Amino acid sequence: MKYNITYCFLVFAILVGCNRFKSDEAENAVARVNDTYLYRADIEKIIPEGASKADSTLLANSYINKWASGLLLIDKAKLNLSAEQQSDFNLLVKQYETDLYTKAYLEALVKRSIDTTITTEEAELIYQTNKESFKLNDELLMLRYLSLPQNAVNLDNIKSRFKTFESEDKVYLDSIAVQFKSYSLKDSVWVKASQVIDKIPVVNLSNKNQLLKKSNFIQLKDSLNLYLIQINDVLLRNDYAPLDYVKPTVKQIISNKRKLELIKEIENGITKDAIKNKQFEVYK
């Protein structure tokens, strides 16, 4: 009899404790869906610092409704989806969790350990190995240009210096660049012909062929301005893009190759250590 009284007392205490726990949960919650509670601390995380009371209320209500509809939909889905479907989804969720954790861990290790130095020889080797991938889909140009009013002071001098473009000419043109409507004097950089057409108003598809002639000096006008263009070099479609132009892509190829090799090395190392420490066994 004494045993039964003690047992009943324990059951009563557990029930009271559970009810009190649920009461505490409900007291501190801002919303509930069945046995799942949403708390004020969860809401505070999504409210931007300095948000007004009206904005905070709007964001909170939106978050609560979205949270509730999500849980309710899951409950309905579990009632209506077959056990086989739910099993498949659970496997996908587990796989996603595994992928998420391992990806973050490997990326952190790779970032800390990878060698980012790329030599000229490495870049050249990758470029030559993958050269067929670097055929151009657009024409490339090396050029300089400037536009200025047609009645600009010292116009003949500017034209002459723009064409000869010796060191002292570059200094002079830079010094009066404030007079130009627009300009680019970096004529050792490859740019797409399509970008030139977009950038210089008087250049269009009808006179584009003038851009595609090496060492060509072009002078064009519109109603207000004069445009001076000097073409230094041209590469046409299906020509091979120069290494300088595709260097960012080459560096990315090398970087990705190193990452894959390092990840494989890390995975092999972890497996070997686990076997050595009796953490991983394959049963025959």
C-alpha atoms as a PDB file:
ATOM      1  CA  MET A   1       0.000   0.000   0.000  1.00  0.00           C
ATOM      2  CA  LYS A   2       2.835   2.331   0.906  1.00  0.00           C
ATOM      3  CA  TYR A   3       4.401   1.557  -2.510  1.00  0.00           C
ATOM      4  CA  ASN A   4       1.143   2.455  -4.312  1.00  0.00           C
ATOM      5  CA  ILE A   5       0.891   5.786  -2.464  1.00  0.00           C
ATOM      6  CA  THR A   6       4.475   6.646  -3.352  1.00  0.00           C
ATOM      7  CA  TYR A   7       3.894   5.700  -6.976  1.00  0.00           C
ATOM      8  CA  CYS A   8       0.733   7.810  -7.193  1.00  0.00           C
ATOM      9  CA  PHE A   9       2.562  10.743  -5.644  1.00  0.00           C
ATOM     10  CA  LEU A  10       5.351  10.471  -8.240  1.00  0.00           C
ATOM     11  CA  VAL A  11       2.857  10.293 -11.112  1.00  0.00           C
ATOM     12  CA  PHE A  12       1.026  13.320  -9.692  1.00  0.00           C
ATOM     13  CA  ALA A  13       4.300  15.256  -9.367  1.00  0.00           C
ATOM     14  CA  ILE A  14       5.283  14.440 -12.931  1.00  0.00           C
ATOM     15  CA  LEU A  15       1.883  15.530 -14.259  1.00  0.00           C
ATOM     16  CA  VAL A  16       1.977  18.754 -12.271  1.00  0.00           C
ATOM     17  CA  GLY A  17       5.530  19.392 -13.489  1.00  0.00           C
ATOM     18  CA  CYS A  18       4.551  18.804 -17.099  1.00  0.00           C
ATOM     19  CA  ASN A  19       1.517  21.061 -16.816  1.00  0.00           C
ATOM     20  CA  ARG A  20       3.627  23.738 -15.177  1.00  0.00           C
ATOM     21  CA  PHE A  21       6.235  23.394 -17.937  1.00  0.00           C
ATOM     22  CA  LYS A  22       3.537  23.737 -20.585  1.00  0.00           C
ATOM     23  CA  SER A  23       2.122  26.696 -18.671  1.00  0.00           C
ATOM     24  CA  ASP A  24       5.555  28.343 -18.646  1.00  0.00           C
ATOM     25  CA  GLU A  25       5.919  27.652 -22.372  1.00  0.00           C
ATOM     26  CA  ALA A  26       2.553  29.231 -23.127  1.00  0.00           C
ATOM     27  CA  GLU A  27       3.235  32.193 -20.855  1.00  0.00           C
ATOM     28  CA  ASN A  28       6.484  33.102 -22.643  1.00  0.00           C
ATOM     29  CA  ALA A  29       5.216  32.339 -26.157  1.00  0.00           C
ATOM     30  CA  VAL A  30       3.773  34.724 -28.737  1.00  0.00           C
ATOM     31  CA  ALA A  31       2.133  32.005 -30.843  1.00  0.00           C
ATOM     32  CA  ARG A  32       1.442  28.266 -30.856  1.00  0.00           C
ATOM     33  CA  VAL A  33       0.763  25.638 -33.485  1.00  0.00           C
ATOM     34  CA  ASN A  34      -0.291  22.414 -31.755  1.00  0.00           C
ATOM     35  CA  ASP A  35       2.661  21.580 -29.450  1.00  0.00           C
ATOM     36  CA  THR A  36       5.153  23.961 -31.087  1.00  0.00           C
ATOM     37  CA  TYR A  37       5.652  27.444 -29.639  1.00  0.00           C
ATOM     38  CA  LEU A  38       7.099  30.646 -31.073  1.00  0.00           C
ATOM     39  CA  TYR A  39       8.769  32.961 -28.570  1.00  0.00           C
ATOM     40  CA  ARG A  40       9.413  36.682 -28.325  1.00  0.00           C
ATOM     41  CA  ALA A  41      13.168  36.064 -28.661  1.00  0.00           C
ATOM     42  CA  ASP A  42      12.528  34.458 -32.080  1.00  0.00           C
ATOM     43  CA  ILE A  43      10.599  37.531 -33.211  1.00  0.00           C
ATOM     44  CA  GLU A  44      13.205  39.972 -31.923  1.00  0.00           C
ATOM     45  CA  LYS A  45      15.828  38.392 -34.182  1.00  0.00           C
ATOM     46  CA  ILE A  46      13.992  39.466 -37.348  1.00  0.00           C
ATOM     47  CA  ILE A  47      13.213  43.068 -36.303  1.00  0.00           C
ATOM     48  CA  PRO A  48      15.859  45.513 -37.648  1.00  0.00           C
ATOM     49  CA  GLU A  49      17.486  47.813 -35.133  1.00  0.00           C
ATOM     50  CA  GLY A  50      15.785  51.217 -35.087  1.00  0.00           C
ATOM     51  CA  ALA A  51      12.565  49.970 -36.728  1.00  0.00           C
ATOM     52  CA  SER A  52       9.430  51.947 -35.794  1.00  0.00           C
ATOM     53  CA  LYS A  53       6.688  50.373 -33.686  1.00  0.00           C
ATOM     54  CA  ALA A  54       4.386  50.162 -36.715  1.00  0.00           C
ATOM     55  CA  ASP A  55       7.046  48.510 -38.878  1.00  0.00           C
ATOM     56  CA  SER A  56       7.998  46.124 -36.057  1.00  0.00           C
ATOM     57  CA  THR A  57       4.376  45.074 -35.610  1.00  0.00           C
ATOM     58  CA  LEU A  58       3.954  44.543 -39.345  1.00  0.00           C
ATOM     59  CA  LEU A  59       7.122  42.428 -39.590  1.00  0.00           C
ATOM     60  CA  ALA A  60       6.205  40.425 -36.476  1.00  0.00           C
ATOM     61  CA  ASN A  61       2.692  39.628 -37.699  1.00  0.00           C
ATOM     62  CA  SER A  62       3.973  38.644 -41.119  1.00  0.00           C
ATOM     63  CA  TYR A  63       6.628  36.361 -39.586  1.00  0.00           C
ATOM     64  CA  ILE A  64       4.121  34.750 -37.180  1.00  0.00           C
ATOM     65  CA  ASN A  65       1.636  34.029 -39.977  1.00  0.00           C
ATOM     66  CA  LYS A  66       4.354  32.592 -42.226  1.00  0.00           C
ATOM     67  CA  TRP A  67       5.725  30.471 -39.360  1.00  0.00           C
ATOM     68  CA  ALA A  68       2.253  29.149 -38.541  1.00  0.00           C
ATOM     69  CA  SER A  69       1.258  28.398 -42.141  1.00  0.00           C
ATOM     70  CA  GLY A  70       4.525  26.530 -42.662  1.00  0.00           C
ATOM     71  CA  LEU A  71       3.975  24.260 -39.674  1.00  0.00           C
ATOM     72  CA  LEU A  72       0.319  23.699 -40.482  1.00  0.00           C
ATOM     73  CA  LEU A  73       1.186  22.752 -44.052  1.00  0.00           C
ATOM     74  CA  ILE A  74       3.802  20.270 -42.814  1.00  0.00           C
ATOM     75  CA  ASP A  75       1.224  18.686 -40.502  1.00  0.00           C
ATOM     76  CA  LYS A  76      -1.266  18.401 -43.371  1.00  0.00           C
ATOM     77  CA  ALA A  77       1.426  16.996 -45.644  1.00  0.00           C
ATOM     78  CA  LYS A  78       2.331  14.318 -43.109  1.00  0.00           C
ATOM     79  CA  LEU A  79      -1.306  13.290 -42.877  1.00  0.00           C
ATOM     80  CA  ASN A  80      -1.786  13.082 -46.627  1.00  0.00           C
ATOM     81  CA  LEU A  81       1.567  11.860 -47.942  1.00  0.00           C
ATOM     82  CA  SER A  82       2.323   8.168 -47.999  1.00  0.00           C
ATOM     83  CA  ALA A  83       4.805   6.648 -45.562  1.00  0.00           C
ATOM     84  CA  GLU A  84       7.067   5.867 -48.511  1.00  0.00           C
ATOM     85  CA  GLN A  85       7.082   9.497 -49.657  1.00  0.00           C
ATOM     86  CA  GLN A  86       7.782  10.721 -46.142  1.00  0.00           C
ATOM     87  CA  SER A  87      10.628   8.239 -45.832  1.00  0.00           C
ATOM     88  CA  ASP A  88      12.121   9.507 -49.098  1.00  0.00           C
ATOM     89  CA  PHE A  89      11.809  13.118 -47.954  1.00  0.00           C
ATOM     90  CA  ASN A  90      13.419  12.336 -44.613  1.00  0.00           C
ATOM     91  CA  LEU A  91      16.389  10.816 -46.431  1.00  0.00           C
ATOM     92  CA  LEU A  92      16.674  13.943 -48.589  1.00  0.00           C
ATOM     93  CA  VAL A  93      16.532  16.163 -45.498  1.00  0.00           C
ATOM     94  CA  LYS A  94      19.225  14.086 -43.816  1.00  0.00           C
ATOM     95  CA  GLN A  95      21.391  14.224 -46.935  1.00  0.00           C
ATOM     96  CA  TYR A  96      20.916  17.987 -47.181  1.00  0.00           C
ATOM     97  CA  GLU A  97      21.947  18.371 -43.537  1.00  0.00           C
ATOM     98  CA  THR A  98      25.059  16.275 -44.168  1.00  0.00           C
ATOM     99  CA  ASP A  99      25.935  18.252 -47.298  1.00  0.00           C
ATOM    100  CA  LEU A 100      25.397  21.583 -45.522  1.00  0.00           C
ATOM    101  CA  TYR A 101      27.681  20.751 -42.594  1.00  0.00           C
ATOM    102  CA  THR A 102      30.409  19.090 -44.642  1.00  0.00           C
ATOM    103  CA  LYS A 103      30.407  21.872 -47.246  1.00  0.00           C
ATOM    104  CA  ALA A 104      30.836  24.562 -44.581  1.00  0.00           C
ATOM    105  CA  TYR A 105      33.584  22.583 -42.827  1.00  0.00           C
ATOM    106  CA  LEU A 106      35.500  21.776 -46.012  1.00  0.00           C
ATOM    107  CA  GLU A 107      35.243  25.358 -47.282  1.00  0.00           C
ATOM    108  CA  ALA A 108      36.699  26.633 -43.998  1.00  0.00           C
ATOM    109  CA  LEU A 109      39.591  24.147 -44.201  1.00  0.00           C
ATOM    110  CA  VAL A 110      40.242  24.902 -47.861  1.00  0.00           C
ATOM    111  CA  LYS A 111      40.173  28.662 -47.295  1.00  0.00           C
ATOM    112  CA  ARG A 112      42.736  28.288 -44.514  1.00  0.00           C
ATOM    113  CA  SER A 113      45.030  25.888 -46.352  1.00  0.00           C
ATOM    114  CA  ILE A 114      44.862  26.574 -50.092  1.00  0.00           C
ATOM    115  CA  ASP A 115      47.777  28.162 -51.917  1.00  0.00           C
ATOM    116  CA  THR A 116      46.461  31.162 -53.877  1.00  0.00           C
ATOM    117  CA  THR A 117      49.745  31.951 -55.630  1.00  0.00           C
ATOM    118  CA  ILE A 118      49.506  31.364 -59.393  1.00  0.00           C
ATOM    119  CA  THR A 119      52.664  31.586 -61.476  1.00  0.00           C
ATOM    120  CA  THR A 120      52.862  32.786 -65.065  1.00  0.00           C
ATOM    121  CA  GLU A 121      53.948  29.282 -66.099  1.00  0.00           C
ATOM    122  CA  GLU A 122      50.874  27.691 -64.492  1.00  0.00           C
ATOM    123  CA  ALA A 123      48.549  30.195 -66.139  1.00  0.00           C
ATOM    124  CA  GLU A 124      50.166  29.640 -69.528  1.00  0.00           C
ATOM    125  CA  LEU A 125      49.904  25.846 -69.193  1.00  0.00           C
ATOM    126  CA  ILE A 126      46.198  25.962 -68.323  1.00  0.00           C
ATOM    127  CA  TYR A 127      45.593  28.476 -71.109  1.00  0.00           C
ATOM    128  CA  GLN A 128      47.261  26.286 -73.734  1.00  0.00           C
ATOM    129  CA  THR A 129      45.578  23.125 -72.436  1.00  0.00           C
ATOM    130  CA  ASN A 130      42.117  24.718 -72.629  1.00  0.00           C
ATOM    131  CA  LYS A 131      42.745  27.025 -75.590  1.00  0.00           C
ATOM    132  CA  GLU A 132      39.814  25.748 -77.637  1.00  0.00           C
ATOM    133  CA  SER A 133      37.523  26.952 -74.846  1.00  0.00           C
ATOM    134  CA  PHE A 134      38.801  30.501 -75.255  1.00  0.00           C
ATOM    135  CA  LYS A 135      37.551  31.210 -78.772  1.00  0.00           C
ATOM    136  CA  LEU A 136      35.890  34.603 -78.981  1.00  0.00           C
ATOM    137  CA  ASN A 137      32.160  35.140 -79.403  1.00  0.00           C
ATOM    138  CA  ASP A 138      32.676  38.883 -79.839  1.00  0.00           C
ATOM    139  CA  GLU A 139      35.331  41.060 -81.456  1.00  0.00           C
ATOM    140  CA  LEU A 140      37.988  42.506 -79.142  1.00  0.00           C
ATOM    141  CA  LEU A 141      39.667  45.855 -79.604  1.00  0.00           C
ATOM    142  CA  MET A 142      42.622  47.727 -78.222  1.00  0.00           C
ATOM    143  CA  LEU A 143      41.846  51.405 -78.690  1.00  0.00           C
ATOM    144  CA  ARG A 144      41.894  54.888 -77.256  1.00  0.00           C
ATOM    145  CA  TYR A 145      39.255  57.517 -77.817  1.00  0.00           C
ATOM    146  CA  LEU A 146      38.104  60.924 -76.717  1.00  0.00           C
ATOM    147  CA  SER A 147      35.196  63.206 -77.467  1.00  0.00           C
ATOM    148  CA  LEU A 148      35.249  66.985 -77.245  1.00  0.00           C
ATOM    149  CA  PRO A 149      33.298  69.974 -78.584  1.00  0.00           C
ATOM    150  CA  GLN A 150      33.850  70.675 -82.275  1.00  0.00           C
ATOM    151  CA  ASN A 151      34.934  74.219 -81.428  1.00  0.00           C
ATOM    152  CA  ALA A 152      37.455  73.133 -78.757  1.00  0.00           C
ATOM    153  CA  VAL A 153      40.556  75.325 -78.234  1.00  0.00           C
ATOM    154  CA  ASN A 154      43.767  73.909 -79.767  1.00  0.00           C
ATOM    155  CA  LEU A 155      41.796  71.271 -81.653  1.00  0.00           C
ATOM    156  CA  ASP A 156      44.535  70.644 -84.223  1.00  0.00           C
ATOM    157  CA  ASN A 157      47.137  70.223 -81.489  1.00  0.00           C
ATOM    158  CA  ILE A 158      44.899  67.785 -79.639  1.00  0.00           C
ATOM    159  CA  LYS A 159      44.351  65.716 -82.789  1.00  0.00           C
ATOM    160  CA  SER A 160      48.060  65.623 -83.509  1.00  0.00           C
ATOM    161  CA  ARG A 161      49.016  64.556 -79.997  1.00  0.00           C
ATOM    162  CA  PHE A 162      46.193  62.006 -79.887  1.00  0.00           C
ATOM    163  CA  LYS A 163      47.555  60.385 -83.060  1.00  0.00           C
ATOM    164  CA  THR A 164      51.262  60.378 -82.176  1.00  0.00           C
ATOM    165  CA  PHE A 165      50.610  59.546 -78.505  1.00  0.00           C
ATOM    166  CA  GLU A 166      54.183  59.675 -77.277  1.00  0.00           C
ATOM    167  CA  SER A 167      54.944  60.030 -73.561  1.00  0.00           C
ATOM    168  CA  GLU A 168      54.766  63.827 -73.627  1.00  0.00           C
ATOM    169  CA  ASP A 169      51.509  63.643 -75.625  1.00  0.00           C
ATOM    170  CA  LYS A 170      49.944  61.418 -72.950  1.00  0.00           C
ATOM    171  CA  VAL A 171      50.944  63.895 -70.237  1.00  0.00           C
ATOM    172  CA  TYR A 172      49.488  66.776 -72.240  1.00  0.00           C
ATOM    173  CA  LEU A 173      46.174  65.011 -72.949  1.00  0.00           C
ATOM    174  CA  ASP A 174      45.837  63.978 -69.312  1.00  0.00           C
ATOM    175  CA  SER A 175      46.430  67.570 -68.246  1.00  0.00           C
ATOM    176  CA  ILE A 176      43.549  68.907 -70.390  1.00  0.00           C
ATOM    177  CA  ALA A 177      41.203  65.928 -69.904  1.00  0.00           C
ATOM    178  CA  VAL A 178      38.728  68.206 -68.108  1.00  0.00           C
ATOM    179  CA  GLN A 179      37.848  69.603 -71.577  1.00  0.00           C
ATOM    180  CA  PHE A 180      36.782  66.201 -72.892  1.00  0.00           C
ATOM    181  CA  LYS A 181      33.183  65.013 -72.808  1.00  0.00           C
ATOM    182  CA  SER A 182      34.416  61.454 -72.368  1.00  0.00           C
ATOM    183  CA  TYR A 183      37.646  59.607 -72.985  1.00  0.00           C
ATOM    184  CA  SER A 184      39.721  56.496 -72.435  1.00  0.00           C
ATOM    185  CA  LEU A 185      43.447  56.602 -73.135  1.00  0.00           C
ATOM    186  CA  LYS A 186      44.283  53.100 -71.857  1.00  0.00           C
ATOM    187  CA  ASP A 187      44.930  51.564 -75.257  1.00  0.00           C
ATOM    188  CA  SER A 188      46.704  48.405 -74.089  1.00  0.00           C
ATOM    189  CA  VAL A 189      43.562  46.828 -72.611  1.00  0.00           C
ATOM    190  CA  TRP A 190      41.282  44.538 -74.605  1.00  0.00           C
ATOM    191  CA  VAL A 191      37.602  45.538 -74.689  1.00  0.00           C
ATOM    192  CA  LYS A 192      34.593  44.096 -76.495  1.00  0.00           C
ATOM    193  CA  ALA A 193      33.510  45.870 -79.663  1.00  0.00           C
ATOM    194  CA  SER A 194      29.930  45.746 -78.367  1.00  0.00           C
ATOM    195  CA  GLN A 195      30.994  47.748 -75.300  1.00  0.00           C
ATOM    196  CA  VAL A 196      32.616  50.366 -77.540  1.00  0.00           C
ATOM    197  CA  ILE A 197      29.387  50.711 -79.527  1.00  0.00           C
ATOM    198  CA  ASP A 198      27.442  51.176 -76.282  1.00  0.00           C
ATOM    199  CA  LYS A 199      29.960  53.680 -74.908  1.00  0.00           C
ATOM    200  CA  ILE A 200      30.536  55.931 -77.955  1.00  0.00           C
ATOM    201  CA  PRO A 201      27.238  57.333 -79.305  1.00  0.00           C
ATOM    202  CA  VAL A 202      28.350  57.888 -82.915  1.00  0.00           C
ATOM    203  CA  VAL A 203      29.607  54.327 -83.334  1.00  0.00           C
ATOM    204  CA  ASN A 204      26.917  51.952 -84.557  1.00  0.00           C
ATOM    205  CA  LEU A 205      26.445  48.810 -86.612  1.00  0.00           C
ATOM    206  CA  SER A 206      26.632  50.760 -89.878  1.00  0.00           C
ATOM    207  CA  ASN A 207      30.155  52.072 -89.214  1.00  0.00           C
ATOM    208  CA  LYS A 208      31.318  49.208 -86.984  1.00  0.00           C
ATOM    209  CA  ASN A 209      33.564  47.894 -89.764  1.00  0.00           C
ATOM    210  CA  GLN A 210      35.842  50.910 -89.210  1.00  0.00           C
ATOM    211  CA  LEU A 211      36.517  49.630 -85.692  1.00  0.00           C
ATOM    212  CA  LEU A 212      37.708  46.285 -87.021  1.00  0.00           C
ATOM    213  CA  LYS A 213      40.711  47.619 -88.941  1.00  0.00           C
ATOM    214  CA  LYS A 214      44.051  47.474 -87.163  1.00  0.00           C
ATOM    215  CA  SER A 215      45.995  50.735 -86.775  1.00  0.00           C
ATOM    216  CA  ASN A 216      43.000  52.697 -88.007  1.00  0.00           C
ATOM    217  CA  PHE A 217      42.388  56.342 -87.046  1.00  0.00           C
ATOM    218  CA  ILE A 218      38.686  57.257 -87.018  1.00  0.00           C
ATOM    219  CA  GLN A 219      37.175  60.702 -86.799  1.00  0.00           C
ATOM    220  CA  LEU A 220      33.387  60.977 -86.369  1.00  0.00           C
ATOM    221  CA  LYS A 221      30.975  63.790 -85.574  1.00  0.00           C
ATOM    222  CA  ASP A 222      27.490  64.336 -84.294  1.00  0.00           C
ATOM    223  CA  SER A 223      25.598  67.622 -83.961  1.00  0.00           C
ATOM    224  CA  LEU A 224      27.780  68.869 -81.096  1.00  0.00           C
ATOM    225  CA  ASN A 225      30.893  66.802 -80.597  1.00  0.00           C
ATOM    226  CA  LEU A 226      33.906  65.426 -82.380  1.00  0.00           C
ATOM    227  CA  TYR A 227      35.047  61.849 -81.652  1.00  0.00           C
ATOM    228  CA  LEU A 228      38.631  60.707 -82.146  1.00  0.00           C
ATOM    229  CA  ILE A 229      39.307  56.968 -82.112  1.00  0.00           C
ATOM    230  CA  GLN A 230      42.600  55.155 -82.635  1.00  0.00           C
ATOM    231  CA  ILE A 231      42.406  51.386 -83.132  1.00  0.00           C
ATOM    232  CA  ASN A 232      45.629  49.669 -82.086  1.00  0.00           C
ATOM    233  CA  ASP A 233      44.720  46.001 -82.480  1.00  0.00           C
ATOM    234  CA  VAL A 234      41.754  43.810 -83.352  1.00  0.00           C
ATOM    235  CA  LEU A 235      40.727  40.212 -82.681  1.00  0.00           C
ATOM    236  CA  LEU A 236      37.742  38.820 -84.573  1.00  0.00           C
ATOM    237  CA  ARG A 237      35.162  36.222 -83.636  1.00  0.00           C
ATOM    238  CA  ASN A 238      36.565  32.688 -83.428  1.00  0.00           C
ATOM    239  CA  ASP A 239      40.056  34.073 -82.853  1.00  0.00           C
ATOM    240  CA  TYR A 240      41.640  32.866 -79.629  1.00  0.00           C
ATOM    241  CA  ALA A 241      41.208  35.268 -76.742  1.00  0.00           C
ATOM    242  CA  PRO A 242      44.586  36.450 -75.411  1.00  0.00           C
ATOM    243  CA  LEU A 243      45.752  35.158 -72.054  1.00  0.00           C
ATOM    244  CA  ASP A 244      45.613  38.633 -70.496  1.00  0.00           C
ATOM    245  CA  TYR A 245      41.929  38.889 -71.363  1.00  0.00           C
ATOM    246  CA  VAL A 246      40.943  35.460 -69.993  1.00  0.00           C
ATOM    247  CA  LYS A 247      43.363  35.457 -67.054  1.00  0.00           C
ATOM    248  CA  PRO A 248      40.562  35.738 -64.435  1.00  0.00           C
ATOM    249  CA  THR A 249      38.949  32.617 -65.924  1.00  0.00           C
ATOM    250  CA  VAL A 250      42.293  30.803 -66.037  1.00  0.00           C
ATOM    251  CA  LYS A 251      42.942  31.670 -62.390  1.00  0.00           C
ATOM    252  CA  GLN A 252      39.489  30.368 -61.469  1.00  0.00           C
ATOM    253  CA  ILE A 253      40.183  27.078 -63.268  1.00  0.00           C
ATOM    254  CA  ILE A 254      43.456  26.668 -61.366  1.00  0.00           C
ATOM    255  CA  SER A 255      41.819  27.619 -58.073  1.00  0.00           C
ATOM    256  CA  ASN A 256      38.945  25.138 -58.568  1.00  0.00           C
ATOM    257  CA  LYS A 257      41.403  22.375 -59.493  1.00  0.00           C
ATOM    258  CA  ARG A 258      43.405  23.018 -56.327  1.00  0.00           C
ATOM    259  CA  LYS A 259      40.244  23.065 -54.215  1.00  0.00           C
ATOM    260  CA  LEU A 260      39.092  19.697 -55.554  1.00  0.00           C
ATOM    261  CA  GLU A 261      42.525  18.173 -54.946  1.00  0.00           C
ATOM    262  CA  LEU A 262      42.687  19.587 -51.417  1.00  0.00           C
ATOM    263  CA  ILE A 263      39.156  18.393 -50.581  1.00  0.00           C
ATOM    264  CA  LYS A 264      40.016  14.884 -51.787  1.00  0.00           C
ATOM    265  CA  GLU A 265      43.185  14.960 -49.684  1.00  0.00           C
ATOM    266  CA  ILE A 266      41.240  16.102 -46.596  1.00  0.00           C
ATOM    267  CA  GLU A 267      38.560  13.432 -47.067  1.00  0.00           C
ATOM    268  CA  ASN A 268      41.172  10.692 -47.497  1.00  0.00           C
ATOM    269  CA  GLY A 269      43.051  11.924 -44.440  1.00  0.00           C
ATOM    270  CA  ILE A 270      39.930  11.946 -42.263  1.00  0.00           C
ATOM    271  CA  THR A 271      39.033   8.414 -43.364  1.00  0.00           C
ATOM    272  CA  LYS A 272      42.552   7.092 -42.709  1.00  0.00           C
ATOM    273  CA  ASP A 273      42.633   8.690 -39.250  1.00  0.00           C
ATOM    274  CA  ALA A 274      39.218   7.222 -38.410  1.00  0.00           C
ATOM    275  CA  ILE A 275      40.363   3.731 -39.430  1.00  0.00           C
ATOM    276  CA  LYS A 276      43.572   4.133 -37.438  1.00  0.00           C
ATOM    277  CA  ASN A 277      41.660   5.281 -34.327  1.00  0.00           C
ATOM    278  CA  LYS A 278      39.059   2.506 -34.643  1.00  0.00           C
ATOM    279  CA  GLN A 279      36.307   5.051 -35.364  1.00  0.00           C
ATOM    280  CA  PHE A 280      35.489   3.590 -38.780  1.00  0.00           C
ATOM    281  CA  GLU A 281      35.195  -0.071 -39.689  1.00  0.00           C
ATOM    282  CA  VAL A 282      33.776  -1.944 -42.671  1.00  0.00           C
ATOM    283  CA  TYR A 283      32.387  -5.350 -41.813  1.00  0.00           C
ATOM    284  CA  LYS A 284      32.856  -8.218 -44.265  1.00  0.00           C
END
